Amino acid sequence: ELPVARLSSIHDEPSVPVLFKARNALLG
């Protein structure tokens, strides 16, 4: 059980600035 205040801890993504190349695609 996780309080909604801590939802972002599930992914725990970095908060510092980054140089980042990304891409996405939708799949069936």
Full PDB file with SEQRES, HELIX, SHEET, SSBOND, CRYST1, ORIGX, SCALE, CONECT and MASTER records, all heavy atoms in Angstrom:
SEQRES   1 A   28  GLU LEU PRO VAL ALA ARG LEU SER SER ILE HIS ASP GLU          
SEQRES   2 A   28  PRO SER VAL PRO VAL LEU PHE LYS ALA ARG ASN ALA LEU          
SEQRES   3 A   28  LEU GLY                                                      
HELIX    1 AA1 VAL A    4  ILE A   10  5                                   7    
CRYST1    1.000    1.000    1.000  90.00  90.00  90.00 P 1           1          
ORIGX1      1.000000  0.000000  0.000000        0.00000                         
ORIGX2      0.000000  1.000000  0.000000        0.00000                         
ORIGX3      0.000000  0.000000  1.000000        0.00000                         
SCALE1      1.000000  0.000000  0.000000        0.00000                         
SCALE2      0.000000  1.000000  0.000000        0.00000                         
SCALE3      0.000000  0.000000  1.000000        0.00000                         
ATOM      1  N   GLU A   1       0.850  -1.186   0.000  1.00  0.00           N  
ATOM      2  CA  GLU A   1       0.000   0.000   0.000  1.00  0.00           C  
ATOM      3  C   GLU A   1       0.888   1.238   0.000  1.00  0.00           C  
ATOM      4  O   GLU A   1       1.853   1.333   0.760  1.00  0.00           O  
ATOM      5  CB  GLU A   1      -0.928   0.023   1.211  1.00  0.00           C  
ATOM      6  CG  GLU A   1      -1.901   1.193   1.170  1.00  0.00           C  
ATOM      7  CD  GLU A   1      -2.945   1.144   2.273  1.00  0.00           C  
ATOM      8  OE1 GLU A   1      -2.893   0.218   3.104  1.00  0.00           O  
ATOM      9  OE2 GLU A   1      -3.802   2.034   2.306  1.00  0.00           O  
ATOM     10  N   LEU A   2       0.557   2.186  -0.879  1.00  0.00           N  
ATOM     11  CA  LEU A   2       1.407   3.351  -1.083  1.00  0.00           C  
ATOM     12  C   LEU A   2       0.554   4.618  -1.065  1.00  0.00           C  
ATOM     13  O   LEU A   2      -0.398   4.740  -1.836  1.00  0.00           O  
ATOM     14  CB  LEU A   2       2.114   3.225  -2.437  1.00  0.00           C  
ATOM     15  CG  LEU A   2       3.202   4.228  -2.783  1.00  0.00           C  
ATOM     16  CD1 LEU A   2       4.444   3.982  -1.920  1.00  0.00           C  
ATOM     17  CD2 LEU A   2       3.561   4.127  -4.264  1.00  0.00           C  
ATOM     18  N   PRO A   3       0.848   5.587  -0.204  1.00  0.00           N  
ATOM     19  CA  PRO A   3       0.108   6.848  -0.217  1.00  0.00           C  
ATOM     20  C   PRO A   3       0.282   7.556  -1.559  1.00  0.00           C  
ATOM     21  O   PRO A   3       1.367   7.486  -2.161  1.00  0.00           O  
ATOM     22  CB  PRO A   3       0.753   7.662   0.917  1.00  0.00           C  
ATOM     23  CG  PRO A   3       1.503   6.680   1.741  1.00  0.00           C  
ATOM     24  CD  PRO A   3       1.907   5.566   0.823  1.00  0.00           C  
ATOM     25  N   VAL A   4      -0.750   8.261  -2.017  1.00  0.00           N  
ATOM     26  CA  VAL A   4      -0.651   8.924  -3.323  1.00  0.00           C  
ATOM     27  C   VAL A   4       0.444   9.985  -3.331  1.00  0.00           C  
ATOM     28  O   VAL A   4       0.977  10.329  -4.395  1.00  0.00           O  
ATOM     29  CB  VAL A   4      -2.000   9.536  -3.754  1.00  0.00           C  
ATOM     30  CG1 VAL A   4      -3.028   8.453  -3.989  1.00  0.00           C  
ATOM     31  CG2 VAL A   4      -2.487  10.564  -2.753  1.00  0.00           C  
ATOM     32  N   ALA A   5       0.801  10.500  -2.164  1.00  0.00           N  
ATOM     33  CA  ALA A   5       1.895  11.469  -2.099  1.00  0.00           C  
ATOM     34  C   ALA A   5       3.207  10.867  -2.563  1.00  0.00           C  
ATOM     35  O   ALA A   5       4.136  11.594  -2.936  1.00  0.00           O  
ATOM     36  CB  ALA A   5       2.045  11.999  -0.673  1.00  0.00           C  
ATOM     37  N   ARG A   6       3.314   9.527  -2.578  1.00  0.00           N  
ATOM     38  CA  ARG A   6       4.556   8.862  -2.957  1.00  0.00           C  
ATOM     39  C   ARG A   6       4.433   8.104  -4.287  1.00  0.00           C  
ATOM     40  O   ARG A   6       5.264   7.251  -4.603  1.00  0.00           O  
ATOM     41  CB  ARG A   6       4.990   7.905  -1.839  1.00  0.00           C  
ATOM     42  CG  ARG A   6       5.345   8.613  -0.531  1.00  0.00           C  
ATOM     43  CD  ARG A   6       5.975   7.654   0.461  1.00  0.00           C  
ATOM     44  NE  ARG A   6       7.166   7.033  -0.120  1.00  0.00           N  
ATOM     45  CZ  ARG A   6       7.372   5.706  -0.160  1.00  0.00           C  
ATOM     46  NH1 ARG A   6       6.459   4.864   0.320  1.00  0.00           N  
ATOM     47  NH2 ARG A   6       8.480   5.219  -0.681  1.00  0.00           N  
ATOM     48  N   LEU A   7       3.434   8.456  -5.075  1.00  0.00           N  
ATOM     49  CA  LEU A   7       3.263   7.780  -6.362  1.00  0.00           C  
ATOM     50  C   LEU A   7       4.508   7.893  -7.255  1.00  0.00           C  
ATOM     51  O   LEU A   7       4.891   6.943  -7.936  1.00  0.00           O  
ATOM     52  CB  LEU A   7       2.052   8.345  -7.107  1.00  0.00           C  
ATOM     53  CG  LEU A   7       0.708   7.657  -6.892  1.00  0.00           C  
ATOM     54  CD1 LEU A   7      -0.396   8.457  -7.559  1.00  0.00           C  
ATOM     55  CD2 LEU A   7       0.742   6.235  -7.426  1.00  0.00           C  
ATOM     56  N   SER A   8       5.135   9.055  -7.233  1.00  0.00           N  
ATOM     57  CA  SER A   8       6.292   9.249  -8.115  1.00  0.00           C  
ATOM     58  C   SER A   8       7.468   8.375  -7.721  1.00  0.00           C  
ATOM     59  O   SER A   8       8.403   8.178  -8.525  1.00  0.00           O  
ATOM     60  CB  SER A   8       6.719  10.716  -8.117  1.00  0.00           C  
ATOM     61  OG  SER A   8       7.123  11.126  -6.821  1.00  0.00           O  
ATOM     62  N   SER A   9       7.466   7.810  -6.492  1.00  0.00           N  
ATOM     63  CA  SER A   9       8.562   6.928  -6.079  1.00  0.00           C  
ATOM     64  C   SER A   9       8.558   5.616  -6.859  1.00  0.00           C  
ATOM     65  O   SER A   9       9.557   4.890  -6.874  1.00  0.00           O  
ATOM     66  CB  SER A   9       8.480   6.639  -4.575  1.00  0.00           C  
ATOM     67  OG  SER A   9       7.359   5.812  -4.267  1.00  0.00           O  
ATOM     68  N   ILE A  10       7.443   5.304  -7.512  1.00  0.00           N  
ATOM     69  CA  ILE A  10       7.362   4.050  -8.277  1.00  0.00           C  
ATOM     70  C   ILE A  10       8.381   4.055  -9.413  1.00  0.00           C  
ATOM     71  O   ILE A  10       9.067   3.070  -9.668  1.00  0.00           O  
ATOM     72  CB  ILE A  10       5.932   3.833  -8.812  1.00  0.00           C  
ATOM     73  CG1 ILE A  10       4.957   3.643  -7.636  1.00  0.00           C  
ATOM     74  CG2 ILE A  10       5.878   2.639  -9.756  1.00  0.00           C  
ATOM     75  CD1 ILE A  10       3.508   3.573  -8.057  1.00  0.00           C  
ATOM     76  N   HIS A  11       8.494   5.200 -10.105  1.00  0.00           N  
ATOM     77  CA  HIS A  11       9.474   5.317 -11.193  1.00  0.00           C  
ATOM     78  C   HIS A  11      10.780   5.937 -10.713  1.00  0.00           C  
ATOM     79  O   HIS A  11      11.838   5.639 -11.267  1.00  0.00           O  
ATOM     80  CB  HIS A  11       8.894   6.144 -12.340  1.00  0.00           C  
ATOM     81  CG  HIS A  11       7.927   5.400 -13.191  1.00  0.00           C  
ATOM     82  ND1 HIS A  11       8.056   5.290 -14.553  1.00  0.00           N  
ATOM     83  CD2 HIS A  11       6.791   4.718 -12.881  1.00  0.00           C  
ATOM     84  CE1 HIS A  11       7.051   4.571 -15.041  1.00  0.00           C  
ATOM     85  NE2 HIS A  11       6.276   4.223 -14.050  1.00  0.00           N  
ATOM     86  N   ASP A  12      10.688   6.836  -9.735  1.00  0.00           N  
ATOM     87  CA  ASP A  12      11.877   7.447  -9.132  1.00  0.00           C  
ATOM     88  C   ASP A  12      12.803   8.033 -10.195  1.00  0.00           C  
ATOM     89  O   ASP A  12      13.999   7.738 -10.249  1.00  0.00           O  
ATOM     90  CB  ASP A  12      12.626   6.417  -8.270  1.00  0.00           C  
ATOM     91  CG  ASP A  12      13.632   7.071  -7.326  1.00  0.00           C  
ATOM     92  OD1 ASP A  12      13.447   8.258  -7.012  1.00  0.00           O  
ATOM     93  OD2 ASP A  12      14.576   6.394  -6.915  1.00  0.00           O  
ATOM     94  N   GLU A  13      12.257   8.911 -11.030  1.00  0.00           N  
ATOM     95  CA  GLU A  13      13.040   9.471 -12.125  1.00  0.00           C  
ATOM     96  C   GLU A  13      13.965  10.589 -11.629  1.00  0.00           C  
ATOM     97  O   GLU A  13      13.663  11.268 -10.654  1.00  0.00           O  
ATOM     98  CB  GLU A  13      12.097  10.000 -13.209  1.00  0.00           C  
ATOM     99  CG  GLU A  13      11.297   8.890 -13.867  1.00  0.00           C  
ATOM    100  CD  GLU A  13      10.427   9.371 -15.001  1.00  0.00           C  
ATOM    101  OE1 GLU A  13      10.464  10.575 -15.321  1.00  0.00           O  
ATOM    102  OE2 GLU A  13       9.699   8.532 -15.577  1.00  0.00           O  
ATOM    103  N   PRO A  14      15.106  10.790 -12.299  1.00  0.00           N  
ATOM    104  CA  PRO A  14      16.053  11.825 -11.862  1.00  0.00           C  
ATOM    105  C   PRO A  14      15.480  13.224 -12.028  1.00  0.00           C  
ATOM    106  O   PRO A  14      14.710  13.482 -12.958  1.00  0.00           O  
ATOM    107  CB  PRO A  14      17.262  11.604 -12.777  1.00  0.00           C  
ATOM    108  CG  PRO A  14      16.711  10.906 -13.977  1.00  0.00           C  
ATOM    109  CD  PRO A  14      15.586  10.054 -13.477  1.00  0.00           C  
ATOM    110  N   SER A  15      15.888  14.122 -11.130  1.00  0.00           N  
ATOM    111  CA  SER A  15      15.394  15.497 -11.182  1.00  0.00           C  
ATOM    112  C   SER A  15      16.449  16.485 -11.670  1.00  0.00           C  
ATOM    113  O   SER A  15      16.132  17.635 -11.972  1.00  0.00           O  
ATOM    114  CB  SER A  15      14.892  15.931  -9.806  1.00  0.00           C  
ATOM    115  OG  SER A  15      15.931  15.835  -8.848  1.00  0.00           O  
ATOM    116  N   VAL A  16      17.709  16.057 -11.742  1.00  0.00           N  
ATOM    117  CA  VAL A  16      18.771  16.959 -12.199  1.00  0.00           C  
ATOM    118  C   VAL A  16      18.719  17.075 -13.715  1.00  0.00           C  
ATOM    119  O   VAL A  16      18.281  16.148 -14.409  1.00  0.00           O  
ATOM    120  CB  VAL A  16      20.150  16.453 -11.747  1.00  0.00           C  
ATOM    121  CG1 VAL A  16      20.246  16.459 -10.232  1.00  0.00           C  
ATOM    122  CG2 VAL A  16      20.430  15.046 -12.282  1.00  0.00           C  
ATOM    123  N   PRO A  17      19.135  18.215 -14.277  1.00  0.00           N  
ATOM    124  CA  PRO A  17      19.113  18.386 -15.737  1.00  0.00           C  
ATOM    125  C   PRO A  17      19.917  17.313 -16.455  1.00  0.00           C  
ATOM    126  O   PRO A  17      20.928  16.817 -15.939  1.00  0.00           O  
ATOM    127  CB  PRO A  17      19.740  19.773 -15.926  1.00  0.00           C  
ATOM    128  CG  PRO A  17      19.488  20.483 -14.647  1.00  0.00           C  
ATOM    129  CD  PRO A  17      19.581  19.431 -13.579  1.00  0.00           C  
ATOM    130  N   VAL A  18      19.450  16.943 -17.647  1.00  0.00           N  
ATOM    131  CA  VAL A  18      20.089  15.882 -18.420  1.00  0.00           C  
ATOM    132  C   VAL A  18      20.244  16.304 -19.877  1.00  0.00           C  
ATOM    133  O   VAL A  18      19.606  17.249 -20.348  1.00  0.00           O  
ATOM    134  CB  VAL A  18      19.267  14.574 -18.368  1.00  0.00           C  
ATOM    135  CG1 VAL A  18      19.205  14.016 -16.972  1.00  0.00           C  
ATOM    136  CG2 VAL A  18      17.854  14.802 -18.931  1.00  0.00           C  
ATOM    137  N   LEU A  19      21.102  15.589 -20.573  1.00  0.00           N  
ATOM    138  CA  LEU A  19      21.217  15.671 -22.030  1.00  0.00           C  
ATOM    139  C   LEU A  19      20.732  14.315 -22.512  1.00  0.00           C  
ATOM    140  O   LEU A  19      21.413  13.303 -22.327  1.00  0.00           O  
ATOM    141  CB  LEU A  19      22.670  15.916 -22.413  1.00  0.00           C  
ATOM    142  CG  LEU A  19      22.977  16.477 -23.802  1.00  0.00           C  
ATOM    143  CD1 LEU A  19      22.384  17.866 -23.956  1.00  0.00           C  
ATOM    144  CD2 LEU A  19      24.485  16.526 -24.011  1.00  0.00           C  
ATOM    145  N   PHE A  20      19.543  14.272 -23.128  1.00  0.00           N  
ATOM    146  CA  PHE A  20      18.854  12.992 -23.281  1.00  0.00           C  
ATOM    147  C   PHE A  20      18.188  12.905 -24.638  1.00  0.00           C  
ATOM    148  O   PHE A  20      17.434  13.797 -25.047  1.00  0.00           O  
ATOM    149  CB  PHE A  20      17.793  12.881 -22.183  1.00  0.00           C  
ATOM    150  CG  PHE A  20      17.346  11.476 -21.888  1.00  0.00           C  
ATOM    151  CD1 PHE A  20      18.190  10.587 -21.233  1.00  0.00           C  
ATOM    152  CD2 PHE A  20      16.086  11.042 -22.253  1.00  0.00           C  
ATOM    153  CE1 PHE A  20      17.779   9.290 -20.944  1.00  0.00           C  
ATOM    154  CE2 PHE A  20      15.662   9.752 -21.974  1.00  0.00           C  
ATOM    155  CZ  PHE A  20      16.512   8.874 -21.311  1.00  0.00           C  
ATOM    156  N   LYS A  21      18.483  11.809 -25.357  1.00  0.00           N  
ATOM    157  CA  LYS A  21      17.855  11.544 -26.654  1.00  0.00           C  
ATOM    158  C   LYS A  21      16.814  10.454 -26.473  1.00  0.00           C  
ATOM    159  O   LYS A  21      17.115   9.373 -25.958  1.00  0.00           O  
ATOM    160  CB  LYS A  21      18.917  11.088 -27.655  1.00  0.00           C  
ATOM    161  CG  LYS A  21      18.395  10.858 -29.067  1.00  0.00           C  
ATOM    162  CD  LYS A  21      18.021  12.176 -29.724  1.00  0.00           C  
ATOM    163  CE  LYS A  21      17.619  11.964 -31.188  1.00  0.00           C  
ATOM    164  NZ  LYS A  21      17.227  13.234 -31.831  1.00  0.00           N  
ATOM    165  N   ALA A  22      15.578  10.709 -26.887  1.00  0.00           N  
ATOM    166  CA  ALA A  22      14.493   9.756 -26.636  1.00  0.00           C  
ATOM    167  C   ALA A  22      13.619   9.588 -27.869  1.00  0.00           C  
ATOM    168  O   ALA A  22      13.601  10.418 -28.781  1.00  0.00           O  
ATOM    169  CB  ALA A  22      13.646  10.217 -25.456  1.00  0.00           C  
ATOM    170  N   ARG A  23      12.873   8.490 -27.848  1.00  0.00           N  
ATOM    171  CA  ARG A  23      11.963   8.163 -28.950  1.00  0.00           C  
ATOM    172  C   ARG A  23      10.884   7.246 -28.403  1.00  0.00           C  
ATOM    173  O   ARG A  23      11.099   6.535 -27.425  1.00  0.00           O  
ATOM    174  CB  ARG A  23      12.748   7.454 -30.065  1.00  0.00           C  
ATOM    175  CG  ARG A  23      11.908   7.043 -31.265  1.00  0.00           C  
ATOM    176  CD  ARG A  23      12.779   6.499 -32.369  1.00  0.00           C  
ATOM    177  NE  ARG A  23      11.967   5.948 -33.456  1.00  0.00           N  
ATOM    178  CZ  ARG A  23      12.478   5.445 -34.571  1.00  0.00           C  
ATOM    179  NH1 ARG A  23      13.801   5.423 -34.763  1.00  0.00           N  
ATOM    180  NH2 ARG A  23      11.675   4.960 -35.513  1.00  0.00           N  
ATOM    181  N   ASN A  24       9.696   7.265 -29.027  1.00  0.00           N  
ATOM    182  CA  ASN A  24       8.644   6.344 -28.607  1.00  0.00           C  
ATOM    183  C   ASN A  24       7.877   5.824 -29.810  1.00  0.00           C  
ATOM    184  O   ASN A  24       7.961   6.389 -30.909  1.00  0.00           O  
ATOM    185  CB  ASN A  24       7.693   7.006 -27.598  1.00  0.00           C  
ATOM    186  CG  ASN A  24       6.659   7.920 -28.243  1.00  0.00           C  
ATOM    187  OD1 ASN A  24       5.653   7.458 -28.778  1.00  0.00           O  
ATOM    188  ND2 ASN A  24       6.896   9.232 -28.191  1.00  0.00           N  
ATOM    189  N   ALA A  25       7.130   4.744 -29.600  1.00  0.00           N  
ATOM    190  CA  ALA A  25       6.268   4.175 -30.646  1.00  0.00           C  
ATOM    191  C   ALA A  25       5.111   3.454 -29.978  1.00  0.00           C  
ATOM    192  O   ALA A  25       5.279   2.830 -28.918  1.00  0.00           O  
ATOM    193  CB  ALA A  25       7.040   3.217 -31.537  1.00  0.00           C  
ATOM    194  N   LEU A  26       3.950   3.543 -30.583  1.00  0.00           N  
ATOM    195  CA  LEU A  26       2.765   2.833 -30.095  1.00  0.00           C  
ATOM    196  C   LEU A  26       2.696   1.456 -30.738  1.00  0.00           C  
ATOM    197  O   LEU A  26       2.910   1.303 -31.943  1.00  0.00           O  
ATOM    198  CB  LEU A  26       1.499   3.628 -30.417  1.00  0.00           C  
ATOM    199  CG  LEU A  26       1.354   4.961 -29.682  1.00  0.00           C  
ATOM    200  CD1 LEU A  26       0.145   5.741 -30.209  1.00  0.00           C  
ATOM    201  CD2 LEU A  26       1.224   4.752 -28.179  1.00  0.00           C  
ATOM    202  N   LEU A  27       2.388   0.467 -29.905  1.00  0.00           N  
ATOM    203  CA  LEU A  27       2.379  -0.922 -30.352  1.00  0.00           C  
ATOM    204  C   LEU A  27       1.018  -1.563 -30.113  1.00  0.00           C  
ATOM    205  O   LEU A  27       0.282  -1.165 -29.214  1.00  0.00           O  
ATOM    206  CB  LEU A  27       3.443  -1.725 -29.596  1.00  0.00           C  
ATOM    207  CG  LEU A  27       4.875  -1.172 -29.601  1.00  0.00           C  
ATOM    208  CD1 LEU A  27       5.757  -2.016 -28.682  1.00  0.00           C  
ATOM    209  CD2 LEU A  27       5.438  -1.129 -31.018  1.00  0.00           C  
ATOM    210  N   GLY A  28       0.730  -2.591 -30.894  1.00  0.00           N  
ATOM    211  CA  GLY A  28      -0.463  -3.407 -30.688  1.00  0.00           C  
ATOM    212  C   GLY A  28      -0.146  -4.558 -29.743  1.00  0.00           C  
ATOM    213  O   GLY A  28       0.776  -4.486 -28.928  1.00  0.00           O  
TER     214      GLY A  28                                                      
MASTER        0    0    0    1    0    0    0    6  213    1    0    3          
END                                                                             
